[in-house]
Amino acid sequence: MAEELSNQAVAARLHLSRRTVETHPSAVHRRSGTPSRSALDLVMTRAACGTAG
């Protein structure tokens, strides 16, 4: 996600199906309440830096 690769590119890199790559981030978005990859990236960056959301 951080490298902004397409789902197909991530799937090829990790030797997974495209559908698997689509499913897992969708679950993360649902649980974290983030609407997009960029919003999730921001949440994760803030968490890694120790700053509040």
N, C-alpha and C. Protein backbone atom coordinates (compact mmCIF):
# COMPACT_ATOMS: atom_id res chain seq x y z
N MET A 1 0.82 -1.20 0.00
CA MET A 1 0.00 0.00 0.00
C MET A 1 0.86 1.26 0.00
N ALA A 2 1.89 1.24 0.82
CA ALA A 2 2.73 2.44 0.93
C ALA A 2 3.41 2.78 -0.39
N GLU A 3 3.65 1.80 -1.22
CA GLU A 3 4.29 2.05 -2.50
C GLU A 3 3.30 2.43 -3.59
N GLU A 4 2.02 2.48 -3.26
CA GLU A 4 0.96 2.86 -4.19
C GLU A 4 0.91 1.96 -5.42
N LEU A 5 1.14 0.68 -5.22
CA LEU A 5 1.04 -0.29 -6.32
C LEU A 5 -0.42 -0.65 -6.54
N SER A 6 -0.73 -1.06 -7.74
CA SER A 6 -2.08 -1.55 -8.03
C SER A 6 -2.28 -2.89 -7.34
N ASN A 7 -3.53 -3.28 -7.17
CA ASN A 7 -3.82 -4.59 -6.57
C ASN A 7 -3.16 -5.71 -7.37
N GLN A 8 -3.20 -5.60 -8.69
CA GLN A 8 -2.60 -6.63 -9.54
C GLN A 8 -1.09 -6.69 -9.34
N ALA A 9 -0.44 -5.55 -9.19
CA ALA A 9 1.01 -5.51 -8.98
C ALA A 9 1.38 -6.11 -7.63
N VAL A 10 0.60 -5.80 -6.61
CA VAL A 10 0.84 -6.37 -5.28
C VAL A 10 0.65 -7.88 -5.33
N ALA A 11 -0.40 -8.33 -5.98
CA ALA A 11 -0.67 -9.76 -6.09
C ALA A 11 0.49 -10.48 -6.78
N ALA A 12 0.97 -9.91 -7.85
CA ALA A 12 2.09 -10.53 -8.57
C ALA A 12 3.35 -10.57 -7.71
N ARG A 13 3.61 -9.50 -7.00
CA ARG A 13 4.81 -9.42 -6.16
C ARG A 13 4.76 -10.44 -5.02
N LEU A 14 3.56 -10.65 -4.45
CA LEU A 14 3.41 -11.54 -3.30
C LEU A 14 2.95 -12.94 -3.68
N HIS A 15 2.78 -13.18 -4.98
CA HIS A 15 2.31 -14.48 -5.47
C HIS A 15 0.96 -14.86 -4.86
N LEU A 16 0.05 -13.88 -4.88
CA LEU A 16 -1.32 -14.07 -4.39
C LEU A 16 -2.28 -13.76 -5.53
N SER A 17 -3.53 -14.12 -5.31
CA SER A 17 -4.54 -13.73 -6.31
C SER A 17 -4.90 -12.26 -6.10
N ARG A 18 -5.34 -11.63 -7.16
CA ARG A 18 -5.78 -10.24 -7.09
C ARG A 18 -6.91 -10.09 -6.08
N ARG A 19 -7.80 -11.08 -6.05
CA ARG A 19 -8.95 -11.04 -5.14
C ARG A 19 -8.52 -11.04 -3.68
N THR A 20 -7.49 -11.82 -3.35
CA THR A 20 -6.97 -11.84 -1.98
C THR A 20 -6.44 -10.47 -1.61
N VAL A 21 -5.72 -9.85 -2.52
CA VAL A 21 -5.16 -8.52 -2.27
C VAL A 21 -6.27 -7.50 -2.10
N GLU A 22 -7.38 -7.64 -2.81
CA GLU A 22 -8.50 -6.72 -2.67
C GLU A 22 -9.25 -6.92 -1.36
N THR A 23 -9.38 -8.16 -0.94
CA THR A 23 -10.19 -8.49 0.23
C THR A 23 -9.57 -8.01 1.54
N HIS A 24 -8.30 -8.24 1.73
CA HIS A 24 -7.69 -7.90 3.01
C HIS A 24 -7.68 -6.40 3.31
N PRO A 25 -7.28 -5.54 2.38
CA PRO A 25 -7.37 -4.10 2.68
C PRO A 25 -8.81 -3.65 2.92
N SER A 26 -9.77 -4.26 2.25
CA SER A 26 -11.17 -3.89 2.47
C SER A 26 -11.56 -4.15 3.92
N ALA A 27 -11.11 -5.25 4.48
CA ALA A 27 -11.39 -5.56 5.88
C ALA A 27 -10.71 -4.56 6.81
N VAL A 28 -9.49 -4.17 6.47
CA VAL A 28 -8.76 -3.19 7.28
C VAL A 28 -9.48 -1.83 7.22
N HIS A 29 -9.91 -1.43 6.03
CA HIS A 29 -10.65 -0.17 5.91
C HIS A 29 -11.92 -0.19 6.75
N ARG A 30 -12.63 -1.28 6.70
CA ARG A 30 -13.88 -1.42 7.45
C ARG A 30 -13.61 -1.30 8.95
N ARG A 31 -12.61 -1.99 9.43
CA ARG A 31 -12.32 -2.00 10.87
C ARG A 31 -11.74 -0.68 11.36
N SER A 32 -10.95 -0.03 10.53
CA SER A 32 -10.30 1.22 10.95
C SER A 32 -11.15 2.45 10.69
N GLY A 33 -12.19 2.27 9.87
CA GLY A 33 -13.04 3.40 9.53
C GLY A 33 -12.44 4.34 8.50
N THR A 34 -11.43 3.86 7.77
CA THR A 34 -10.82 4.68 6.73
C THR A 34 -11.46 4.38 5.38
N PRO A 35 -11.72 5.41 4.59
CA PRO A 35 -12.42 5.21 3.32
C PRO A 35 -11.53 4.82 2.14
N SER A 36 -10.21 5.00 2.28
CA SER A 36 -9.34 4.79 1.13
C SER A 36 -7.94 4.37 1.58
N ARG A 37 -7.15 3.95 0.61
CA ARG A 37 -5.76 3.60 0.91
C ARG A 37 -4.99 4.80 1.44
N SER A 38 -5.21 5.97 0.84
CA SER A 38 -4.47 7.15 1.28
C SER A 38 -4.83 7.52 2.72
N ALA A 39 -6.10 7.40 3.08
CA ALA A 39 -6.51 7.69 4.46
C ALA A 39 -5.90 6.68 5.42
N LEU A 40 -5.86 5.42 5.02
CA LEU A 40 -5.25 4.39 5.85
C LEU A 40 -3.75 4.64 5.98
N ASP A 41 -3.10 5.04 4.90
CA ASP A 41 -1.67 5.38 4.95
C ASP A 41 -1.41 6.48 5.97
N LEU A 42 -2.27 7.50 5.99
CA LEU A 42 -2.11 8.60 6.93
C LEU A 42 -2.25 8.11 8.36
N VAL A 43 -3.26 7.29 8.63
CA VAL A 43 -3.46 6.73 9.97
C VAL A 43 -2.24 5.92 10.40
N MET A 44 -1.74 5.07 9.50
CA MET A 44 -0.59 4.21 9.81
C MET A 44 0.69 5.04 10.01
N THR A 45 0.86 6.08 9.23
CA THR A 45 2.04 6.95 9.38
C THR A 45 2.00 7.66 10.72
N ARG A 46 0.84 8.17 11.07
CA ARG A 46 0.70 8.85 12.37
C ARG A 46 0.94 7.87 13.51
N ALA A 47 0.45 6.66 13.38
CA ALA A 47 0.66 5.66 14.43
C ALA A 47 2.14 5.32 14.56
N ALA A 48 2.82 5.20 13.42
CA ALA A 48 4.25 4.87 13.44
C ALA A 48 5.08 6.00 14.04
N CYS A 49 4.62 7.23 13.84
CA CYS A 49 5.34 8.39 14.36
C CYS A 49 4.95 8.73 15.79
N GLY A 50 3.90 8.06 16.28
CA GLY A 50 3.46 8.30 17.64
C GLY A 50 2.64 9.57 17.81
N THR A 51 2.05 10.06 16.73
CA THR A 51 1.21 11.26 16.83
C THR A 51 -0.25 10.86 16.80
N ALA A 52 -1.06 11.64 17.47
CA ALA A 52 -2.50 11.35 17.54
C ALA A 52 -3.17 11.65 16.21
N GLY A 53 -4.28 10.95 15.95
CA GLY A 53 -5.02 11.07 14.71
C GLY A 53 -5.75 12.33 14.53
